Protein backbone atom coordinates (compact mmCIF):
# COMPACT_ATOMS: atom_id res chain seq x y z
CA MET A 1 0.08 0.02 0.01
CA ALA A 2 1.38 3.36 -1.02
CA GLU A 3 1.98 6.07 1.59
CA PHE A 4 1.26 9.70 0.87
CA GLU A 5 3.29 12.66 2.12
CA SER A 6 2.40 16.25 1.57
CA GLN A 7 4.90 18.99 1.65
CA THR A 8 5.65 22.49 0.24
CA LYS A 9 8.37 23.14 -2.14
CA THR A 10 9.46 26.25 -3.65
CA ILE A 11 10.10 26.63 -7.37
CA GLN A 12 13.78 27.24 -6.54
CA SER A 13 13.87 23.89 -4.76
CA ILE A 14 11.99 22.05 -7.49
CA TYR A 15 14.42 23.59 -9.99
CA ALA A 16 17.33 21.96 -7.93
CA TRP A 17 15.76 18.73 -8.31
CA TYR A 18 15.33 19.19 -12.06
CA SER A 19 19.14 20.33 -12.53
CA GLU A 20 20.03 17.19 -10.68
CA ASN A 21 18.09 15.01 -12.99
CA LYS A 22 15.84 13.87 -10.28
CA LEU A 23 12.45 14.41 -12.15
CA TRP A 24 11.35 11.74 -14.64
CA VAL A 25 8.33 11.25 -16.89
CA ASN A 26 6.89 7.90 -17.74
CA ARG A 27 5.43 7.90 -21.53
CA ARG A 28 3.44 4.94 -20.79
CA TYR A 29 0.90 7.35 -19.38
CA GLN A 30 1.96 10.86 -19.70
CA ARG A 31 1.06 13.14 -22.59
CA LYS A 32 3.55 15.24 -24.67
CA LEU A 33 4.01 18.98 -23.60
CA VAL A 34 0.67 20.32 -24.99
CA TRP A 35 0.21 23.74 -23.45
CA THR A 36 -0.07 26.70 -25.70
CA LEU A 37 2.24 29.80 -25.05
CA ASN A 38 -0.74 31.90 -23.57
CA GLU A 39 -1.43 28.98 -21.11
CA LYS A 40 2.18 28.99 -20.02
CA GLN A 41 2.29 32.84 -19.65
CA LYS A 42 -0.98 32.76 -17.58
CA LEU A 43 0.46 30.27 -15.27
CA VAL A 44 3.75 32.37 -14.63
CA GLU A 45 1.40 35.45 -14.21
CA SER A 46 -0.51 33.54 -11.46
CA VAL A 47 2.85 32.88 -9.56
CA LEU A 48 4.20 36.35 -10.02
CA LYS A 49 0.76 37.50 -8.58
CA ARG A 50 1.16 34.74 -5.98
CA TYR A 51 -2.17 33.34 -6.89
CA PRO A 52 -2.87 29.63 -5.82
CA ILE A 53 -2.09 27.03 -8.39
CA PRO A 54 -2.95 23.19 -8.18
CA ALA A 55 -0.66 20.84 -6.52
CA VAL A 56 1.76 18.49 -8.08
CA LEU A 57 1.90 14.88 -7.51
CA LEU A 58 5.13 12.72 -7.75
CA ALA A 59 5.92 9.22 -7.07
CA GLU A 60 9.25 8.44 -5.29
CA ARG A 61 11.51 6.05 -7.18
CA ASP A 62 14.43 4.07 -6.06
CA GLY A 63 17.51 6.08 -5.59
CA GLY A 64 15.74 9.13 -4.40
CA ASP A 65 14.35 10.25 -7.98
CA TYR A 66 10.75 11.38 -8.62
CA GLU A 67 8.34 10.13 -11.31
CA VAL A 68 5.75 13.04 -12.14
CA ILE A 69 2.24 11.64 -11.94
CA ASP A 70 0.11 14.96 -11.98
CA GLY A 71 1.48 18.38 -13.01
CA LEU A 72 3.68 17.64 -15.90
CA GLN A 73 2.77 20.63 -18.01
CA ARG A 74 2.79 23.03 -14.92
CA LEU A 75 6.23 21.87 -13.82
CA HIS A 76 7.65 21.93 -17.26
CA THR A 77 6.28 25.51 -17.89
CA LEU A 78 7.71 27.01 -14.71
CA LEU A 79 11.03 25.22 -15.01
CA SER A 80 11.48 26.16 -18.63
CA PHE A 81 10.41 29.85 -17.73
CA ALA A 82 13.34 29.88 -15.47
CA GLU A 83 15.56 28.99 -18.48
CA THR A 84 14.14 31.72 -20.66
CA ALA A 85 12.28 29.47 -23.06
CA PHE A 86 9.44 32.04 -23.29
CA PRO A 87 8.47 35.63 -22.00
CA THR A 88 5.91 36.66 -19.76
CA LEU A 89 2.47 38.38 -21.05
CA ASP A 90 4.27 41.65 -20.94
CA SER A 91 7.31 40.35 -22.99
CA ARG A 92 9.89 39.89 -20.32
CA TYR A 93 12.08 37.14 -19.59
CA PHE A 94 13.51 35.56 -16.37
CA ASP A 95 16.95 36.99 -15.39
CA VAL A 96 19.12 34.14 -15.31
CA HIS A 97 21.93 36.13 -13.85
CA GLN A 98 20.19 36.39 -10.60
CA PHE A 99 19.70 32.78 -10.27
CA VAL A 100 22.95 30.76 -9.54
CA THR A 101 21.85 27.29 -10.48
CA ALA A 102 20.10 28.28 -13.85
CA ARG A 103 23.12 30.39 -14.53
CA THR A 104 25.58 27.38 -13.86
CA ARG A 105 23.45 25.32 -16.19
CA ALA A 106 23.59 27.73 -19.00
CA GLU A 107 27.10 29.08 -18.74
CA GLU A 108 29.14 25.93 -17.54
CA GLU A 109 26.94 23.00 -18.64
CA GLY A 110 25.71 24.52 -21.80
CA ALA A 111 22.13 22.97 -21.00
CA PHE A 112 20.30 25.80 -22.55
CA ASP A 113 20.85 29.31 -24.25
CA VAL A 114 19.80 32.44 -22.44
CA THR A 115 17.33 34.44 -24.68
CA PRO A 116 18.08 38.06 -25.00
CA GLY A 117 15.39 40.70 -24.09
CA ALA A 118 13.81 42.61 -21.16
CA ARG A 119 14.08 41.05 -17.81
CA LEU A 120 12.10 40.54 -14.56
CA SER A 121 13.06 42.73 -11.56
CA SER A 122 14.97 41.48 -8.89
CA ARG A 123 11.88 41.57 -6.71
CA GLU A 124 9.82 39.46 -9.09
CA VAL A 125 12.77 36.90 -9.47
CA GLY A 126 12.59 36.41 -5.85
CA THR A 127 8.86 36.12 -5.90
CA PHE A 128 9.10 33.55 -8.66
CA LEU A 129 11.85 31.41 -7.03
CA ASP A 130 10.19 31.55 -3.53
CA TYR A 131 6.77 30.77 -4.75
CA PRO A 132 5.39 27.62 -2.69
CA ILE A 133 3.97 24.69 -4.64
CA ALA A 134 2.02 21.99 -2.83
CA VAL A 135 3.61 18.57 -3.65
CA SER A 136 2.31 15.26 -2.69
CA VAL A 137 4.66 12.28 -2.88
CA MET A 138 3.63 8.66 -3.19
CA ARG A 139 6.07 6.39 -1.63
CA GLY A 140 6.29 2.69 -2.00
CA ALA A 141 3.59 2.79 -4.77
CA THR A 142 3.50 -0.19 -7.36
CA ASP A 143 2.89 0.50 -11.09
CA GLU A 144 -0.70 -0.70 -10.74
CA GLU A 145 -1.42 1.97 -8.08
CA ILE A 146 0.25 4.65 -10.08
CA ASP A 147 -1.76 3.78 -13.11
CA ASP A 148 -4.97 3.84 -10.88
CA VAL A 149 -4.09 7.22 -9.47
CA PHE A 150 -3.29 8.71 -12.88
CA THR A 151 -6.49 7.22 -14.43
CA ARG A 152 -8.64 8.62 -11.42
CA ILE A 153 -7.06 12.07 -11.66
CA ASN A 154 -7.62 12.36 -15.33
CA SER A 155 -11.40 11.21 -15.12
CA TYR A 156 -12.21 14.39 -13.30
CA GLY A 157 -13.24 16.80 -16.08
CA HIS A 158 -12.22 16.48 -19.80
CA ARG A 159 -8.61 17.07 -19.81
CA LEU A 160 -7.73 14.08 -21.99
CA SER A 161 -8.85 13.26 -25.45
CA ASP A 162 -10.57 9.94 -26.02
CA GLN A 163 -7.44 8.25 -27.16
CA GLU A 164 -5.21 9.79 -24.37
CA ARG A 165 -7.89 8.36 -21.99
CA ARG A 166 -7.72 4.91 -23.48
CA GLN A 167 -4.00 4.84 -23.43
CA SER A 168 -3.48 6.34 -20.06
CA GLY A 169 -2.76 3.75 -17.37
CA VAL A 170 -3.60 0.90 -19.65
CA ARG A 171 -0.85 -1.71 -19.74
CA ASP A 172 -1.38 -4.51 -22.43
CA GLU A 173 0.39 -5.55 -25.66
CA PHE A 174 -2.12 -3.74 -27.78
CA SER A 175 -1.90 -0.34 -25.94
CA THR A 176 2.04 -0.81 -25.96
CA LEU A 177 2.18 -1.59 -29.70
CA VAL A 178 0.01 1.46 -30.48
CA ARG A 179 2.12 3.83 -28.46
CA ASN A 180 5.37 2.53 -29.52
CA LEU A 181 4.44 2.52 -33.26
CA SER A 182 3.07 6.01 -32.93
CA CYS A 183 6.25 7.24 -31.49
CA GLU A 184 8.15 5.88 -34.28
CA VAL A 185 6.03 7.21 -37.10
CA ARG A 186 5.93 10.67 -35.30
CA GLY A 187 9.69 10.62 -34.83
CA ASP A 188 9.70 10.84 -31.12
CA ALA A 189 10.60 7.50 -30.10
CA SER A 190 12.49 7.20 -26.89
CA SER A 191 12.72 4.90 -23.84
CA ASP A 192 9.66 4.76 -21.84
CA THR A 193 10.99 6.96 -18.86
CA LEU A 194 13.02 9.84 -19.61
CA SER A 195 14.29 12.98 -17.53
CA LEU A 196 11.95 15.90 -17.37
CA ASP A 197 14.33 18.19 -19.19
CA LYS A 198 14.05 15.86 -22.37
CA MET A 199 10.35 16.36 -22.83
CA PRO A 200 10.81 18.96 -25.52
CA SER A 201 13.04 16.57 -27.48
CA ILE A 202 9.86 14.20 -27.85
CA SER A 203 7.11 17.02 -27.81
CA ILE A 204 5.65 18.62 -31.06
CA ASP A 205 6.02 21.98 -32.45
CA LEU A 206 2.84 23.20 -34.18
CA PRO A 207 3.43 25.61 -37.04
CA LYS A 208 1.61 28.78 -35.29
CA THR A 209 2.74 28.00 -31.82
CA LYS A 210 6.73 27.77 -31.88
CA HIS A 211 7.80 26.53 -28.50
CA GLY A 212 11.43 25.11 -29.85
CA TYR A 213 10.26 21.47 -29.55
CA GLU A 214 12.39 19.02 -31.39
CA VAL A 215 9.40 17.35 -33.38
CA GLU A 216 8.00 19.68 -36.04
CA ALA A 217 4.44 18.88 -37.12
CA SER A 218 4.82 19.82 -40.50
CA ASN A 219 7.37 16.92 -40.97
CA VAL A 220 5.36 14.26 -39.59
CA PHE A 221 3.89 11.88 -41.90
CA TRP A 222 0.46 12.31 -40.89
CA VAL A 223 0.43 16.11 -41.10
CA LYS A 224 2.84 16.10 -44.21
CA GLU A 225 0.37 13.88 -46.30
CA GLY A 226 -2.60 15.84 -44.91
CA VAL A 227 -4.13 12.89 -43.21
CA LEU A 228 -4.38 14.90 -39.89
CA ARG A 229 -4.06 18.59 -38.88
CA SER A 230 -1.05 19.49 -36.80
CA THR A 231 -3.34 20.21 -33.71
CA ASP A 232 -4.57 16.49 -34.06
CA LEU A 233 -1.28 15.37 -32.88
CA ARG A 234 -1.55 17.09 -29.89
CA ASP A 235 -4.81 15.17 -29.11
CA SER A 236 -3.08 11.88 -30.21
CA MET A 237 -5.35 11.37 -33.20
CA ASP A 238 -2.50 9.61 -34.88
CA GLU A 239 -2.65 7.04 -32.15
CA GLN A 240 -6.35 6.55 -32.65
CA CYS A 241 -5.86 5.88 -36.39
CA ILE A 242 -3.14 3.44 -35.77
CA ALA A 243 -5.30 1.69 -33.09
CA ASP A 244 -8.25 1.51 -35.64
CA ILE A 245 -6.11 0.07 -38.49
CA ALA A 246 -4.15 -2.27 -35.99
CA ALA A 247 -7.37 -3.61 -34.53
CA SER A 248 -8.91 -4.24 -38.07
CA ILE A 249 -5.70 -6.05 -39.36
CA ILE A 250 -4.65 -7.92 -36.31
CA GLY A 251 -8.13 -8.84 -35.37
CA GLY A 252 -8.88 -10.28 -38.86
CA ARG A 253 -11.89 -8.15 -39.56
CA LEU A 254 -12.60 -4.35 -39.96
CA ILE A 255 -14.14 -2.94 -36.93
CA ASP A 256 -16.69 -0.36 -36.96
CA ARG A 257 -15.30 3.14 -36.87
CA SER A 258 -16.56 4.40 -33.69
CA LYS A 259 -15.68 5.50 -30.20
CA ASP A 260 -17.46 2.60 -28.59
CA ALA A 261 -15.61 0.00 -30.71
CA LEU A 262 -12.16 1.30 -29.52
CA ASP A 263 -13.17 1.68 -25.98
CA GLU A 264 -14.21 -1.97 -25.85
CA ILE A 265 -10.83 -2.94 -27.15
CA TYR A 266 -9.05 -0.86 -24.51
CA GLN A 267 -11.31 -2.07 -21.67
CA LEU A 268 -9.18 -4.64 -19.97
CA GLY A 269 -11.09 -7.99 -19.47
CA SER A 270 -13.85 -7.23 -21.91
CA ALA A 271 -14.73 -9.70 -24.71
CA GLU A 272 -13.20 -7.36 -27.31
CA ASN A 273 -10.19 -6.90 -25.54
CA GLN A 274 -9.56 -10.60 -24.86
CA ARG A 275 -10.17 -11.42 -28.62
CA MET A 276 -7.68 -8.81 -29.61
CA MET A 277 -4.95 -10.25 -27.12
CA ARG A 278 -5.41 -13.69 -28.43
CA ALA A 279 -5.17 -12.37 -31.89
CA LEU A 280 -2.12 -10.35 -31.09
CA ASP A 281 -0.32 -13.34 -29.53
CA SER A 282 -0.93 -15.11 -32.79
CA TYR A 283 0.07 -12.22 -35.17
CA GLY A 284 3.12 -10.76 -33.16
CA THR A 285 3.60 -7.04 -32.17
CA ALA A 286 7.08 -6.97 -34.08
CA LYS A 287 5.47 -8.31 -37.31
CA PHE A 288 2.64 -5.95 -37.41
CA SER A 289 5.06 -2.94 -36.70
CA ALA A 290 7.15 -3.91 -39.60
CA GLU A 291 4.33 -4.29 -41.98
CA PHE A 292 2.90 -1.05 -40.94
CA LYS A 293 6.22 0.80 -41.51
CA PHE A 294 6.53 -0.98 -44.73
CA CYS A 295 3.13 -0.01 -46.05
CA VAL A 296 3.74 3.55 -44.80
CA ASP A 297 6.93 3.77 -46.85
CA GLU A 298 5.25 2.35 -49.95
CA ILE A 299 2.45 5.17 -49.66
CA SER A 300 5.10 7.87 -49.17
CA LYS A 301 6.88 6.64 -52.44
CA ILE A 302 3.55 6.82 -54.36
CA CYS A 303 3.15 10.36 -53.12
CA ALA A 304 6.62 11.28 -54.21
CA VAL A 305 6.58 9.71 -57.78
CA GLY A 306 6.35 11.86 -60.69
CA GLY A 307 6.44 15.12 -58.63
CA ALA A 308 5.65 15.28 -54.85
CA ARG A 309 2.04 15.72 -53.86
CA LYS A 310 0.28 15.45 -50.58
CA LEU A 311 -1.91 12.31 -50.19
CA ARG A 312 -4.77 14.26 -49.53
CA SER A 313 -4.67 16.33 -52.76
CA ILE A 314 -4.17 12.83 -54.57
CA LEU A 315 -7.38 11.52 -53.15
CA PHE A 316 -9.80 14.28 -53.04
CA THR A 317 -11.15 16.05 -55.99
CA LYS A 318 -11.55 19.49 -54.23
CA THR A 319 -9.01 21.33 -52.54
CA SER A 320 -9.46 21.15 -48.71
CA THR A 321 -7.44 21.24 -45.52
CA ASN A 322 -9.87 18.74 -43.78
CA PRO A 323 -8.08 15.70 -42.21
CA PHE A 324 -9.22 12.32 -43.42
CA PRO A 325 -8.26 9.63 -40.96
CA SER A 326 -11.34 7.43 -41.91
CA ALA A 327 -10.49 7.28 -45.45
CA PHE A 328 -6.87 6.75 -44.87
CA ALA A 329 -7.68 3.74 -42.74
CA VAL A 330 -9.35 1.82 -45.50
CA LEU A 331 -6.87 2.85 -47.85
CA PHE A 332 -4.06 1.60 -45.61
CA VAL A 333 -5.97 -1.77 -45.32
CA ALA A 334 -6.27 -1.95 -48.86
CA PHE A 335 -2.70 -1.64 -49.42
CA HIS A 336 -1.88 -4.03 -46.59
CA GLU A 337 -4.09 -6.59 -47.93
CA VAL A 338 -2.70 -6.48 -51.22
CA LEU A 339 1.12 -6.10 -50.27
CA ILE A 340 1.20 -8.56 -47.27
CA GLY A 341 -1.94 -10.67 -47.60
CA GLU A 342 -1.50 -11.43 -51.36
CA ASP A 343 2.49 -11.38 -51.53
CA LYS A 344 2.56 -8.59 -54.21
CA MET A 345 4.76 -5.77 -54.91
CA ILE A 346 4.15 -2.47 -56.86
CA SER A 347 5.47 -2.54 -60.04
CA ASP A 348 4.26 0.88 -61.26
CA TYR A 349 3.96 3.60 -58.59
CA ALA A 350 2.87 6.24 -61.07
CA GLY A 351 0.13 3.73 -62.04
CA VAL A 352 -0.99 3.30 -58.44
CA LYS A 353 -0.86 7.09 -58.02
CA GLN A 354 -3.24 7.65 -60.86
CA ALA A 355 -5.44 4.86 -59.95
CA ILE A 356 -5.92 6.41 -56.40
CA THR A 357 -6.34 10.10 -57.84
CA ASN A 358 -9.83 11.54 -57.09
CA LEU A 359 -10.61 8.55 -55.04
CA ASP A 360 -13.34 10.28 -53.26
CA LYS A 361 -15.47 9.81 -56.33
CA ARG A 362 -15.07 6.06 -56.09
CA ILE A 363 -15.61 5.29 -52.47
CA GLU A 364 -18.08 6.40 -49.72
CA THR A 365 -16.42 9.11 -47.64
CA SER A 366 -19.29 10.56 -45.67
CA ARG A 367 -19.60 10.25 -42.02
CA ALA A 368 -22.25 7.64 -42.55
CA SER A 369 -19.64 5.02 -43.92
CA THR A 370 -18.47 3.94 -40.49
CA THR A 371 -19.76 0.18 -40.28
CA SER A 372 -17.44 -2.75 -40.81
CA LYS A 373 -19.67 -3.77 -43.73
CA GLU A 374 -19.20 -0.16 -45.48
CA ARG A 375 -15.63 -0.04 -44.69
CA ARG A 376 -15.06 -3.51 -46.20
CA ALA A 377 -16.82 -2.19 -49.44
CA ASN A 378 -14.43 0.67 -49.52
CA VAL A 379 -11.45 -1.47 -49.20
CA ASP A 380 -12.52 -3.93 -51.80
CA THR A 381 -12.85 -1.02 -54.20
CA ILE A 382 -9.53 0.43 -53.55
CA LYS A 383 -8.03 -2.98 -54.07
CA ALA A 384 -9.49 -3.39 -57.39
CA LEU A 385 -8.26 -0.06 -58.61
CA ILE A 386 -4.61 -0.48 -57.57
CA ARG A 387 -4.06 -4.50 -57.99
CA PRO A 388 -3.54 -4.05 -61.98
CA HIS A 389 -0.32 -1.98 -60.86
CA PHE A 390 1.27 -4.88 -58.67
CA ILE A 391 2.91 -8.12 -59.40
CA ASP A 392 3.24 -11.39 -57.66
CA THR A 393 6.26 -11.72 -55.61
CA GLU A 394 8.04 -14.46 -53.27
CA PRO A 395 7.08 -14.03 -49.65
CA ARG A 396 9.64 -11.71 -48.39
CA ASP A 397 11.30 -11.00 -44.92
CA ILE A 398 10.56 -7.41 -44.34
CA TYR A 399 10.73 -7.81 -40.73
CA GLY A 400 14.39 -7.40 -40.31
CA ASP A 401 14.72 -4.52 -42.66
CA HIS A 402 14.92 -0.79 -41.79
CA THR A 403 12.40 1.42 -43.32
CA THR A 404 12.55 5.18 -43.60
CA VAL A 405 10.28 5.52 -40.42
CA ASP A 406 13.01 3.22 -38.73
CA VAL A 407 15.70 5.54 -39.82
CA ASP A 408 13.75 8.63 -38.73
CA ALA A 409 13.21 7.20 -35.34
CA ILE A 410 16.89 6.24 -34.83
CA ILE A 411 18.04 9.77 -35.85
CA GLN A 412 15.51 11.30 -33.31
CA ARG A 413 16.51 8.86 -30.45
CA SER A 414 20.07 9.92 -31.07
CA GLU A 415 19.39 13.39 -29.81
CA ILE A 416 17.70 12.05 -26.66
CA GLU A 417 19.62 9.05 -25.92
CA SER A 418 23.19 10.02 -27.18
CA PRO A 419 25.13 7.19 -25.30
CA HIS A 420 23.44 4.55 -27.36
CA TYR A 421 23.48 6.14 -30.82
CA GLU A 422 26.11 7.49 -33.30
CA LEU A 423 25.73 9.28 -36.72
CA LYS A 424 28.44 9.37 -39.17
CA GLN A 425 28.47 11.08 -42.61
CA GLY A 426 30.46 8.83 -44.22
CA ILE A 427 34.06 7.86 -44.73
CA LEU A 428 35.36 10.33 -47.35
CA ARG A 429 37.12 13.45 -46.09
CA LEU A 430 35.39 16.72 -46.66
CA ASP A 431 38.22 18.24 -48.86
CA HIS A 432 38.49 18.67 -52.52
CA ARG A 433 40.72 15.25 -52.59
CA ARG A 434 37.76 13.18 -51.19
CA THR A 435 40.14 10.49 -49.98
CA VAL A 436 38.97 7.50 -47.73
CA ASP A 437 39.44 8.34 -43.96
CA LYS A 438 40.43 4.91 -42.61
CA GLU A 439 40.62 6.36 -38.99
CA ALA A 440 36.77 7.25 -39.47
CA MET A 441 36.02 3.50 -39.89
CA GLU A 442 38.30 2.56 -37.06
CA ARG A 443 36.51 5.23 -34.88
CA VAL A 444 33.07 3.43 -35.89
CA VAL A 445 34.68 0.12 -34.90
CA ASN A 446 35.49 1.60 -31.41
CA THR A 447 32.12 3.20 -30.98
CA ILE A 448 30.43 -0.15 -31.70
CA CYS A 449 32.48 -1.47 -28.77
CA ALA A 450 31.66 1.41 -26.72
CA ILE A 451 27.91 1.12 -27.09
CA ALA A 452 27.98 -2.60 -26.47
CA ASN A 453 29.77 -1.67 -23.04
CA ASN A 454 26.86 0.28 -21.86
CA GLY A 455 25.70 -2.67 -20.02
CA LYS A 456 23.64 -5.77 -19.97
CA ASP A 457 20.24 -5.58 -21.97
CA ARG A 458 21.36 -2.37 -23.60
CA THR A 459 21.38 -2.01 -27.52
CA GLY A 460 22.28 0.95 -29.79
CA THR A 461 22.75 1.74 -33.32
CA VAL A 462 25.24 3.46 -35.61
CA LEU A 463 23.93 5.11 -38.93
CA ILE A 464 26.39 5.71 -41.81
CA GLY A 465 25.14 8.52 -44.10
CA VAL A 466 23.71 11.23 -41.57
CA ALA A 467 25.49 14.15 -40.70
CA ASP A 468 25.26 15.53 -37.10
CA LYS A 469 26.88 18.87 -37.93
CA THR A 470 25.16 21.58 -39.72
CA ALA A 471 28.47 22.58 -41.19
CA ASP A 472 29.10 19.06 -42.52
CA ALA A 473 25.82 18.82 -44.25
CA LYS A 474 26.35 22.10 -45.95
CA ARG A 475 29.90 21.10 -46.95
CA ILE A 476 28.48 17.88 -48.52
CA ALA A 477 25.73 19.86 -50.40
CA THR A 478 28.32 21.71 -51.85
CA LEU A 479 30.84 19.29 -52.64
CA ASP A 480 28.47 16.38 -53.65
CA GLY A 481 25.49 18.39 -55.09
CA VAL A 482 22.83 16.71 -52.72
CA THR A 483 20.36 18.32 -50.88
CA PRO A 484 20.23 16.91 -47.41
CA ARG A 485 16.90 15.63 -46.05
CA THR A 486 16.49 17.20 -42.70
CA VAL A 487 15.40 15.25 -39.38
CA GLY A 488 15.25 17.09 -36.27
CA LYS A 489 18.67 18.75 -36.02
CA ARG A 490 20.39 16.15 -38.20
CA ALA A 491 20.70 15.80 -42.05
CA VAL A 492 20.35 12.75 -44.06
CA VAL A 493 23.19 13.14 -46.66
CA GLY A 494 23.47 9.39 -47.75
CA ILE A 495 26.15 6.95 -48.70
CA ARG A 496 25.04 6.89 -52.52
CA ARG A 497 27.06 9.96 -53.12
CA GLU A 498 30.17 8.46 -51.66
CA ALA A 499 29.74 5.20 -53.76
CA HIS A 500 29.38 7.21 -56.74
CA ILE A 501 32.57 9.14 -56.08
CA LEU A 502 34.35 5.95 -55.31
CA GLY A 503 33.22 4.30 -58.46
CA GLU A 504 31.25 1.51 -56.46
CA THR A 505 27.65 0.38 -56.53
CA PRO A 506 25.90 0.95 -53.03
CA GLU A 507 26.15 -2.81 -52.73
CA GLN A 508 29.84 -2.66 -53.11
CA TYR A 509 29.95 0.34 -50.55
CA TYR A 510 28.08 -1.88 -48.14
CA ALA A 511 30.43 -4.77 -48.47
CA ARG A 512 33.12 -2.48 -47.72
CA TRP A 513 31.91 -1.84 -44.37
CA LYS A 514 30.90 -5.33 -43.88
CA ASP A 515 34.61 -6.48 -44.90
CA PHE A 516 36.01 -3.85 -42.48
CA ILE A 517 33.89 -4.90 -39.44
CA ARG A 518 34.75 -8.65 -40.28
CA SER A 519 38.39 -7.89 -40.26
CA SER A 520 38.46 -5.65 -37.14
CA GLN A 521 39.55 -6.88 -33.72
CA LEU A 522 36.06 -6.60 -32.25
CA SER A 523 35.47 -9.13 -29.64
CA ARG A 524 34.12 -12.42 -31.64
CA GLY A 525 30.72 -12.49 -30.15
CA LEU A 526 29.90 -8.73 -30.61
CA LYS A 527 31.53 -8.86 -34.06
CA ASP A 528 29.17 -11.91 -35.35
CA ASP A 529 26.11 -10.24 -33.77
CA VAL A 530 26.83 -6.89 -35.61
CA LEU A 531 27.41 -8.55 -39.00
CA ALA A 532 24.36 -10.59 -38.62
CA SER A 533 22.30 -7.39 -38.20
CA LEU A 534 24.02 -5.01 -40.54
CA SER A 535 21.48 -3.69 -43.02
CA TYR A 536 20.97 -1.03 -45.78
CA CYS A 537 18.04 1.19 -46.31
CA ASP A 538 17.27 2.93 -49.58
CA TYR A 539 15.96 5.93 -47.52
CA PHE A 540 14.42 7.83 -50.42
CA GLY A 541 17.27 7.22 -52.73
CA TYR A 542 19.96 8.43 -50.37
CA GLY A 543 21.14 5.15 -48.93
CA VAL A 544 21.75 4.59 -45.18
CA ILE A 545 23.79 1.76 -43.66
CA VAL A 546 22.20 0.63 -40.37
CA ILE A 547 24.80 -0.95 -37.80
CA ARG A 548 22.79 -2.47 -34.86
CA ILE A 549 24.53 -3.36 -31.81
CA PRO A 550 22.56 -5.99 -30.01
CA SER A 551 23.07 -6.57 -26.29
CA GLN A 552 25.91 -8.44 -24.92
CA ARG A 553 26.61 -10.60 -21.92
CA ASP A 554 30.19 -9.51 -21.40
CA VAL A 555 32.41 -6.73 -21.81
CA SER A 556 33.58 -6.03 -25.43
CA LEU A 557 37.09 -5.22 -26.72
CA VAL A 558 38.76 -3.85 -29.76
CA GLY A 559 41.95 -6.15 -29.57
CA GLU A 560 42.98 -5.46 -26.05
CA LYS A 561 41.19 -2.14 -25.56
CA ILE A 562 37.95 -1.23 -23.76
CA PHE A 563 36.01 1.68 -25.04
CA ILE A 564 32.97 3.24 -23.28
CA ARG A 565 30.52 6.10 -24.17
CA SER A 566 30.48 9.38 -22.26
CA GLY A 567 27.67 11.37 -23.47
CA ASP A 568 27.86 11.20 -27.24
CA GLU A 569 31.57 10.73 -27.10
CA THR A 570 33.72 7.30 -27.37
CA VAL A 571 36.39 7.00 -24.83
CA LEU A 572 39.24 4.79 -24.23
CA VAL A 573 39.38 3.31 -20.75
CA THR A 574 42.96 3.25 -19.18
CA GLU A 575 42.33 3.04 -15.59
CA PRO A 576 41.93 -0.19 -13.93
CA SER A 577 39.28 1.12 -11.57
CA ARG A 578 37.23 2.20 -14.66
CA MET A 579 37.67 -1.12 -16.23
CA LEU A 580 36.26 -2.75 -13.10
CA GLU A 581 33.28 -0.43 -13.18
CA VAL A 582 32.51 -1.56 -16.81
CA GLY A 583 32.60 -5.06 -15.75
CA LYS A 584 30.02 -4.50 -13.01
CA ARG A 585 27.69 -3.47 -15.84
CA PHE A 586 27.35 -7.09 -16.80
């Protein structure tokens, strides 16, 4: 039984927890950052006027850290205001120079950049930092108790969207599949738990409300193709769309498109929930995730062929900005049934694009077309239209491949979880001679070893063909005549350009890396695992090599050397005491 302790903490004290990395967020039930600028400014105004604000609820974790149960938006608003993320209603920023802890984070740790502009007065800074917040702490709580408390808190009023309500506090394989797959497609994949200061990295910046968050709505598949509006992402409508598609495919029959149908599937212990769990046990979460991302890739290729057009403008006769999740769901199921169910592949992307042009004239898209029978009729119509542009193929293993969605997710995670990821633009020096930098390849091998030494049950990835520095991306664009594809703060430049300069095919370039790793002095077990999982992704024609580092049971070496990760750096371990510390990780 959990114990509760109520206490009062000043914003200054809470910021100290924050700076010490003691505040954590569990993505299993917490939303992204969704407050508007005005909502943030109103909260800061309340604090400066010493008006009361709601209490914060935390759960104590092992080691003295705290998990935020209720108050995520409020906490991040106040803490980010102290780091000059936004101004007050009268356009003044917090004065970091009057707060030693924040100044240290900015000047010595480089945790944030101080925004220039008018400042709060000394008195106002004191009022803000000394403001008392009621904090309740759950001690000794189980996951089930935390889930129950969170669900009860969010049942008061209408603070969550339907899909957020369904996902919050539910822990079964279906809800986990939907949550994880949604994160990958959006590009905000991360570990289930992350520190509060990392929340901007997995939150969505809307076009009209720039907060400096890492995921730009306009670059997300759902918004880019017009399936959803950017504001729909804030309410998890993308997750609802995936849940609808997943339930229809995994369950073996199209479900009614209705709130009640999804509610029933998410209701633990219900007949529909049990049916879905049995179906998912048979189908497999990894299999469905791979199939979903493969179909998204194919749809994206169709939209891009012959001049890029939004999917919405292809499907609908009249120009509109209206979202179309219902029509997208039946389109997706049709593609899935032909590509996966019938073991076919697209032979003519332009032909498919033409076949689905003005699709709204051929299928029922009104609000009335929500029953499983009506949806099945739409799916069959679409299949008849697109099937002539497909050909038979042998059953293929797409489940170990990396789609563009996978690569985007890896790039995004590299910004959040840098010790487990590394990005390299390639192997050619960025001068006019463009010679091979063998030391760069050796550094990759050292990094593979270092990531493997992160500890037992830890995995990681190295991507070749992605620039992590803006200057490198610009230099490559000038030297090689490519237009980098931006993903967050990174730029995909690909390896095809290097293969061309070297007079190699992408396959030969890929083999170059495989041979180099095979001849390296990596520990045999790690080497074999890496070679077995090495893969190539076409990634919109750029070409990216994906080097996965599976979890290891023992310390890994390069010859007699041990390497570890320190943030996003690979470091050679020389001190015996540190070597022992690495050994303890296993």
